[in-house]
Protein backbone atom coordinates (compact mmCIF):
# COMPACT_ATOMS: atom_id res chain seq x y z
CA UNK A 1 1.30 -5.39 47.28
CA UNK A 2 2.66 -5.56 43.61
CA UNK A 3 5.34 -3.36 42.33
CA UNK A 4 5.45 -2.76 38.84
CA UNK A 5 8.46 -1.67 36.78
CA UNK A 6 8.68 0.11 33.30
CA UNK A 7 8.52 -2.08 30.17
CA UNK A 8 11.70 -1.87 28.46
CA UNK A 9 11.70 -2.71 24.42
CA UNK A 10 14.68 -4.09 22.81
CA UNK A 11 15.37 -5.80 19.49
CA UNK A 12 16.72 -9.15 19.29
CA UNK A 13 17.70 -10.74 16.01
CA UNK A 14 14.74 -8.70 14.25
CA UNK A 15 12.31 -9.33 17.00
CA UNK A 16 10.60 -7.03 19.23
CA UNK A 17 11.23 -8.32 22.80
CA UNK A 18 9.02 -6.71 25.60
CA UNK A 19 9.88 -7.93 29.19
CA UNK A 20 7.90 -7.18 32.20
CA UNK A 21 9.40 -8.03 35.65
CA UNK A 22 6.69 -7.37 38.28
CA UNK A 23 7.71 -8.28 42.01
CA UNK A 24 5.54 -10.59 43.88
CA UNK A 25 6.96 -9.65 47.37
CA UNK A 26 10.55 -9.98 48.45
CA UNK A 27 10.83 -13.67 47.59
CA UNK A 28 8.94 -14.13 44.19
CA UNK A 29 9.50 -12.67 40.87
CA UNK A 30 7.74 -13.32 37.44
CA UNK A 31 9.13 -12.69 34.16
CA UNK A 32 7.01 -12.68 30.97
CA UNK A 33 8.79 -12.30 27.54
CA UNK A 34 6.76 -11.36 24.75
CA UNK A 35 8.23 -11.79 21.23
CA UNK A 36 6.32 -10.97 18.08
CA UNK A 37 6.96 -10.91 14.43
CA UNK A 38 4.18 -8.64 13.89
CA UNK A 39 6.03 -5.15 14.50
CA UNK A 40 8.78 -6.23 12.04
CA UNK A 41 6.62 -8.24 9.41
CA UNK A 42 3.04 -9.32 9.87
CA UNK A 43 2.25 -12.24 7.24
CA UNK A 44 -0.04 -15.32 6.92
CA UNK A 45 3.21 -17.47 7.22
CA UNK A 46 4.23 -16.32 10.95
CA UNK A 47 2.49 -16.24 14.27
CA UNK A 48 0.94 -13.06 15.37
CA UNK A 49 2.50 -13.44 18.70
CA UNK A 50 4.50 -15.62 20.86
CA UNK A 51 4.38 -15.73 24.76
CA UNK A 52 6.90 -17.26 27.22
CA UNK A 53 6.02 -17.76 30.81
CA UNK A 54 7.78 -18.37 34.06
CA UNK A 55 5.79 -21.50 34.85
CA UNK A 56 3.94 -24.24 32.79
CA UNK A 57 0.82 -22.70 31.31
CA UNK A 58 -1.53 -24.52 29.11
CA UNK A 59 -2.81 -22.67 25.84
CA UNK A 60 -6.22 -23.97 26.68
CA UNK A 61 -6.34 -21.63 29.46
CA UNK A 62 -5.77 -18.63 27.58
CA UNK A 63 -8.50 -15.98 26.59
CA UNK A 64 -9.09 -14.71 23.30
CA UNK A 65 -6.34 -12.49 21.79
CA UNK A 66 -7.87 -9.18 21.18
CA UNK A 67 -7.14 -7.61 17.57
CA UNK A 68 -8.36 -4.84 15.52
CA UNK A 69 -9.88 -5.50 12.98
CA UNK A 70 -10.78 -8.81 14.37
CA UNK A 71 -8.90 -11.86 13.56
CA UNK A 72 -9.92 -15.40 13.80
CA UNK A 73 -6.91 -16.63 16.34
CA UNK A 74 -6.20 -19.79 18.00
CA UNK A 75 -3.35 -20.53 20.32
CA UNK A 76 -0.95 -23.29 20.23
CA UNK A 77 1.10 -24.93 22.70
CA UNK A 78 4.90 -24.90 21.53
CA UNK A 79 6.32 -25.75 25.01
CA UNK A 80 5.34 -26.25 28.62
CA UNK A 81 5.93 -22.50 29.06
CA UNK A 82 5.53 -21.33 25.56
CA UNK A 83 2.51 -20.63 23.55
CA UNK A 84 1.86 -18.86 20.28
CA UNK A 85 -1.25 -17.10 18.66
CA UNK A 86 -1.79 -18.07 14.94
CA UNK A 87 -4.43 -16.62 12.52
CA UNK A 88 -7.03 -19.22 11.48
CA UNK A 89 -7.77 -17.45 8.23
CA UNK A 90 -5.80 -15.16 5.72
CA UNK A 91 -4.59 -11.87 6.77
CA UNK A 92 -5.43 -9.05 4.33
CA UNK A 93 -2.37 -7.30 2.85
CA UNK A 94 -2.07 -3.75 3.17
CA UNK A 95 -4.53 -3.61 6.02
CA UNK A 96 -3.06 -2.41 9.46
CA UNK A 97 -3.90 -4.70 12.54
CA UNK A 98 -3.78 -3.47 15.97
CA UNK A 99 -2.83 -6.43 18.26
CA UNK A 100 -3.15 -6.12 22.24
CA UNK A 101 -0.34 -8.37 23.57
CA UNK A 102 -0.66 -9.40 27.03
CA UNK A 103 2.23 -8.36 29.43
CA UNK A 104 0.83 -9.73 32.67
CA UNK A 105 -1.66 -12.62 33.54
CA UNK A 106 -3.84 -13.88 36.53
CA UNK A 107 -4.43 -17.67 36.48
CA UNK A 108 -6.68 -20.02 38.45
CA UNK A 109 -8.56 -22.51 36.43
CA UNK A 110 -8.46 -20.26 33.46
CA UNK A 111 -6.31 -17.18 32.93
CA UNK A 112 -7.22 -13.69 32.34
CA UNK A 113 -4.98 -10.95 30.90
CA UNK A 114 -4.20 -8.17 33.60
CA UNK A 115 -2.12 -5.95 31.49
CA UNK A 116 -2.34 -5.43 27.66
CA UNK A 117 0.27 -3.44 25.41
CA UNK A 118 -1.31 -2.75 21.88
CA UNK A 119 0.99 -2.40 18.82
CA UNK A 120 -0.03 -1.85 15.26
CA UNK A 121 1.50 -3.69 12.33
CA UNK A 122 0.61 -3.55 8.57
CA UNK A 123 0.35 -6.68 6.67
CA UNK A 124 2.99 -6.56 4.02
CA UNK A 125 1.90 -6.93 0.27
CA UNK A 126 2.66 -10.67 -0.88
CA UNK A 127 3.89 -9.44 -4.28
CA UNK A 128 4.38 -13.28 -5.47
CA UNK A 129 0.68 -14.13 -4.64
CA UNK A 130 -0.17 -10.95 -6.42
CA UNK A 131 1.65 -12.20 -9.45
CA UNK A 132 0.07 -15.82 -9.27
CA UNK A 133 -3.42 -14.25 -9.04
CA UNK A 134 -3.09 -11.75 -11.85
CA UNK A 135 -1.43 -14.73 -13.89
CA UNK A 136 -4.66 -16.92 -13.29
CA UNK A 137 -6.62 -14.34 -14.36
CA UNK A 138 -4.90 -13.61 -17.98
CA UNK A 139 -3.64 -9.98 -16.85
CA UNK A 140 -0.01 -10.87 -17.33
CA UNK A 141 2.15 -12.13 -20.30
CA UNK A 142 2.87 -15.35 -18.21
CA UNK A 143 1.01 -18.51 -17.03
CA UNK A 144 1.19 -19.97 -13.77
CA UNK A 145 1.53 -23.86 -13.31
CA UNK A 146 1.27 -25.01 -9.76
CA UNK A 147 3.33 -28.07 -8.64
CA UNK A 148 0.28 -29.77 -7.31
CA UNK A 149 -3.57 -29.45 -7.94
CA UNK A 150 -5.12 -26.48 -5.93
CA UNK A 151 -8.11 -26.98 -3.93
CA UNK A 152 -7.97 -23.07 -3.36
CA UNK A 153 -6.65 -21.03 -6.17
CA UNK A 154 -6.29 -17.87 -4.10
CA UNK A 155 -3.59 -19.41 -1.76
CA UNK A 156 0.18 -18.73 -2.80
CA UNK A 157 1.36 -22.25 -3.88
CA UNK A 158 4.81 -23.36 -5.29
CA UNK A 159 4.85 -23.60 -9.01
CA UNK A 160 6.26 -21.92 -12.13
CA UNK A 161 5.61 -18.94 -14.26
CA UNK A 162 6.04 -19.46 -18.07
CA UNK A 163 6.36 -16.68 -20.67
CA UNK A 164 3.36 -16.84 -22.96
CA UNK A 165 4.36 -14.91 -25.99
CA UNK A 166 7.49 -15.75 -27.86
CA UNK A 167 7.21 -13.03 -30.25
CA UNK A 168 7.02 -10.07 -27.78
CA UNK A 169 10.42 -8.22 -27.59
CA UNK A 170 13.26 -8.63 -25.05
CA UNK A 171 12.62 -5.17 -24.02
CA UNK A 172 9.49 -6.69 -22.19
CA UNK A 173 10.39 -10.17 -21.19
CA UNK A 174 14.14 -8.77 -19.65
CA UNK A 175 12.02 -6.94 -17.04
CA UNK A 176 10.13 -9.96 -15.71
CA UNK A 177 11.06 -10.93 -12.12
CA UNK A 178 8.84 -13.07 -9.84
CA UNK A 179 8.33 -11.39 -6.46
CA UNK A 180 9.47 -8.01 -7.57
CA UNK A 181 7.22 -5.01 -8.25
CA UNK A 182 8.08 -4.46 -11.99
CA UNK A 183 6.44 -2.10 -14.46
CA UNK A 184 4.70 -5.53 -15.87
CA UNK A 185 3.15 -6.31 -12.73
CA UNK A 186 1.97 -2.66 -12.03
CA UNK A 187 0.65 -2.36 -15.44
CA UNK A 188 -1.26 -5.56 -14.92
CA UNK A 189 -2.59 -4.55 -11.51
CA UNK A 190 -3.76 -1.16 -13.12
CA UNK A 191 -5.64 -3.24 -15.87
CA UNK A 192 -7.22 -5.17 -13.25
CA UNK A 193 -8.28 -2.15 -11.18
CA UNK A 194 -9.74 -0.40 -14.35
CA UNK A 195 -11.67 -3.41 -15.25
CA UNK A 196 -13.04 -3.88 -11.63
CA UNK A 197 -13.81 0.04 -11.69
CA UNK A 198 -11.45 0.70 -8.82
CA UNK A 199 -8.52 3.56 -8.54
CA UNK A 200 -6.10 2.67 -10.90
CA UNK A 201 -3.21 3.40 -8.36
CA UNK A 202 -0.96 0.23 -9.44
CA UNK A 203 -0.99 -0.37 -5.54
CA UNK A 204 -2.74 -3.57 -4.18
CA UNK A 205 -4.79 -2.05 -1.32
CA UNK A 206 -7.62 -3.76 0.50
CA UNK A 207 -10.10 -2.99 -2.04
CA UNK A 208 -7.73 -4.33 -5.06
CA UNK A 209 -6.95 -7.63 -2.84
CA UNK A 210 -10.59 -8.18 -2.09
CA UNK A 211 -11.62 -8.01 -5.68
CA UNK A 212 -8.57 -10.04 -6.77
CA UNK A 213 -9.57 -13.03 -4.52
CA UNK A 214 -13.32 -12.61 -5.81
CA UNK A 215 -12.29 -12.32 -9.15
CA UNK A 216 -10.13 -15.65 -9.01
CA UNK A 217 -12.99 -17.50 -6.99
CA UNK A 218 -15.41 -16.59 -9.72
CA UNK A 219 -12.99 -17.22 -12.80
CA UNK A 220 -13.49 -13.46 -14.10
CA UNK A 221 -10.44 -13.55 -16.32
CA UNK A 222 -9.24 -10.33 -18.25
CA UNK A 223 -11.97 -9.81 -20.94
CA UNK A 224 -9.20 -8.40 -23.17
CA UNK A 225 -5.88 -9.34 -24.91
CA UNK A 226 -2.49 -8.62 -23.58
CA UNK A 227 -1.12 -5.59 -25.59
CA UNK A 228 2.00 -3.79 -25.55
CA UNK A 229 3.51 -0.83 -27.22
CA UNK A 230 7.21 -0.31 -28.36
CA UNK A 231 8.45 3.24 -29.31
CA UNK A 232 11.75 3.17 -31.31
CA UNK A 233 13.78 6.31 -31.44
CA UNK A 234 15.97 4.96 -33.95
CA UNK A 235 15.84 6.46 -37.47
CA UNK A 236 12.98 6.25 -38.87
CA UNK A 237 11.20 6.61 -35.33
CA UNK A 238 8.35 4.14 -35.13
CA UNK A 239 5.46 3.01 -32.70
CA UNK A 240 4.69 -0.77 -32.94
CA UNK A 241 1.62 -2.31 -31.44
CA UNK A 242 1.61 -5.80 -30.23
CA UNK A 243 -1.63 -7.83 -29.48
CA UNK A 244 -1.79 -11.14 -27.98
CA UNK A 245 2.04 -11.49 -28.75
CA UNK A 246 1.98 -10.72 -32.29
CA UNK A 247 2.54 -7.43 -34.13
CA UNK A 248 -0.87 -5.99 -35.04
CA UNK A 249 0.29 -2.50 -36.38
CA UNK A 250 3.42 -0.18 -37.04
CA UNK A 251 3.47 3.31 -37.91
CA UNK A 252 6.15 6.14 -38.34
CA UNK A 253 5.96 8.42 -35.18
CA UNK A 254 7.68 11.41 -33.87
CA UNK A 255 9.45 11.62 -30.42
CA UNK A 256 10.77 14.71 -28.50
CA UNK A 257 13.29 16.86 -29.63
CA UNK A 258 16.60 17.49 -27.85
CA UNK A 259 15.55 20.10 -25.42
CA UNK A 260 12.35 18.10 -24.45
CA UNK A 261 13.06 14.58 -25.07
CA UNK A 262 10.82 11.55 -24.62
CA UNK A 263 12.21 9.64 -21.82
CA UNK A 264 13.22 5.92 -22.32
CA UNK A 265 12.04 3.15 -20.20
CA UNK A 266 8.75 1.27 -19.67
CA UNK A 267 5.66 2.78 -18.29
CA UNK A 268 1.99 1.75 -17.96
CA UNK A 269 -0.80 4.01 -19.60
CA UNK A 270 -2.49 5.64 -16.59
CA UNK A 271 -4.96 8.36 -18.48
CA UNK A 272 -6.68 8.54 -21.78
CA UNK A 273 -8.81 10.98 -23.82
CA UNK A 274 -10.60 10.48 -27.22
CA UNK A 275 -9.91 14.17 -27.81
CA UNK A 276 -8.17 16.81 -25.81
CA UNK A 277 -6.89 20.12 -25.74
CA UNK A 278 -3.21 20.39 -24.88
CA UNK A 279 -1.29 23.20 -23.38
CA UNK A 280 2.12 23.89 -22.17
CA UNK A 281 5.08 25.91 -22.55
CA UNK A 282 7.49 25.94 -25.46
CA UNK A 283 11.41 25.61 -24.86
CA UNK A 284 11.47 29.34 -25.78
CA UNK A 285 9.01 30.38 -22.89
CA UNK A 286 6.16 30.85 -25.18
CA UNK A 287 2.82 29.01 -24.60
CA UNK A 288 0.72 26.66 -26.78
CA UNK A 289 -2.82 25.58 -26.77
CA UNK A 290 -3.77 22.91 -29.25
CA UNK A 291 -7.49 21.83 -29.34
CA UNK A 292 -8.75 18.69 -30.61
CA UNK A 293 -5.64 16.50 -30.24
CA UNK A 294 -6.95 12.93 -30.83
CA UNK A 295 -6.59 9.61 -29.42
CA UNK A 296 -4.45 10.37 -26.29
CA UNK A 297 -2.87 7.71 -23.95
CA UNK A 298 -0.65 9.28 -21.42
CA UNK A 299 2.15 6.88 -20.00
CA UNK A 300 4.67 8.98 -18.32
CA UNK A 301 3.87 12.49 -16.81
CA UNK A 302 3.17 14.57 -19.79
CA UNK A 303 4.28 12.12 -22.43
CA UNK A 304 1.48 10.57 -24.36
CA UNK A 305 0.76 8.63 -27.65
CA UNK A 306 -1.52 10.97 -29.76
CA UNK A 307 -2.31 12.02 -33.10
CA UNK A 308 -0.69 15.29 -34.34
CA UNK A 309 -0.71 16.90 -38.03
CA UNK A 310 2.73 17.24 -39.18
CA UNK A 311 4.31 17.21 -42.68
CA UNK A 312 6.17 14.19 -42.11
CA UNK A 313 6.87 11.51 -39.53
CA UNK A 314 9.68 9.44 -38.23
CA UNK A 315 12.12 12.13 -36.56
CA UNK A 316 12.31 13.99 -33.48
CA UNK A 317 9.62 16.86 -33.63
CA UNK A 318 7.39 16.84 -30.34
CA UNK A 319 7.85 18.32 -26.70
CA UNK A 320 8.14 14.70 -25.40
CA UNK A 321 5.06 13.12 -26.59
CA UNK A 322 4.90 10.30 -29.23
CA UNK A 323 3.02 11.84 -32.36
CA UNK A 324 1.47 10.07 -35.03
CA UNK A 325 -0.93 10.64 -37.90
CA UNK A 326 -4.68 10.99 -36.76
CA UNK A 327 -5.41 7.64 -38.67
CA UNK A 328 -2.56 5.72 -37.01
CA UNK A 329 -3.16 6.96 -33.48
CA UNK A 330 -7.19 5.87 -34.11
CA UNK A 331 -5.94 2.45 -34.77
CA UNK A 332 -3.68 2.09 -31.66
CA UNK A 333 -5.90 3.89 -29.30
CA UNK A 334 -8.56 1.21 -28.61
CA UNK A 335 -5.55 -1.29 -27.56
CA UNK A 336 -4.07 0.95 -24.92
CA UNK A 337 -6.63 0.82 -22.02
CA UNK A 338 -5.13 1.75 -18.66
CA UNK A 339 -2.22 -0.34 -17.51
CA UNK A 340 -0.98 -1.11 -21.11
CA UNK A 341 2.80 -0.90 -21.01
CA UNK A 342 4.65 1.57 -23.31
CA UNK A 343 8.36 0.93 -23.95
CA UNK A 344 10.49 3.97 -25.42
CA UNK A 345 13.67 2.39 -26.80
CA UNK A 346 16.72 4.64 -27.80
């Protein structure tokens, strides 16, 4: 009779280790070590699962590894008593996979898994690949040049990213980091999602990755130019529009007063209206409701670029927004689609 003991779990050097010690009578014991990177990091570069047996075992005798969603998987022999399961195709970032890891086997001519322990792991977003794909589609102010010719442009490859626009201010280029989720990358992803008619979350979910891959495969590049807006709070305050790396338009502007300042930093446009009624609370506690505010592009909470009637422009007068004349806001608005970055400099 087989007596089973509990399955203890420990972490060894960042790897989850599950150990099963069934007793096969008083004289025989078998130990199976199941190590996997998946509970810590599930990626296309790492094996889904590694198994170590107490006796030599051929990978060819092993049954199919069960996963949900299904993954094309093959077993590889890495030692007389060691095998690993690797994905044949790419894993989808942001998807949670459940892998049924064997903790016991019965073997004759072939093997069957007699005991399974499921665990779930989410594929980590590959920020570098995301950056490469968006650069290939012209959604970023950088070009990507692979070190070697790519047979598949959707696969991450070694290469270099080069800044495309020498005339863009340092307030943007200083934020560029490969492999880091910066406002530049989030804005580009939101722009792509908007063009692809997906929710503009700035997060690369499954639908976004699917569309990114398809867009690269079919060379569906960004149909618009790369645009950027800089708001300067120095006197006189201004708004400057860059289109394809060059200054297209500059105008006087009003930012927030001291008790309701416009936050400095870089933010992607996330909501737009051709006209809107704006309402809220004044610093003294009274309420306001202003109908017909034109050419509105929200970039940070309630802060937006928009037109507003004032007797003069160039100084703090708003409640956090960036106000311009109606005509100036109308010029800028078509160049601020979802994802366009707005930098507010003190």
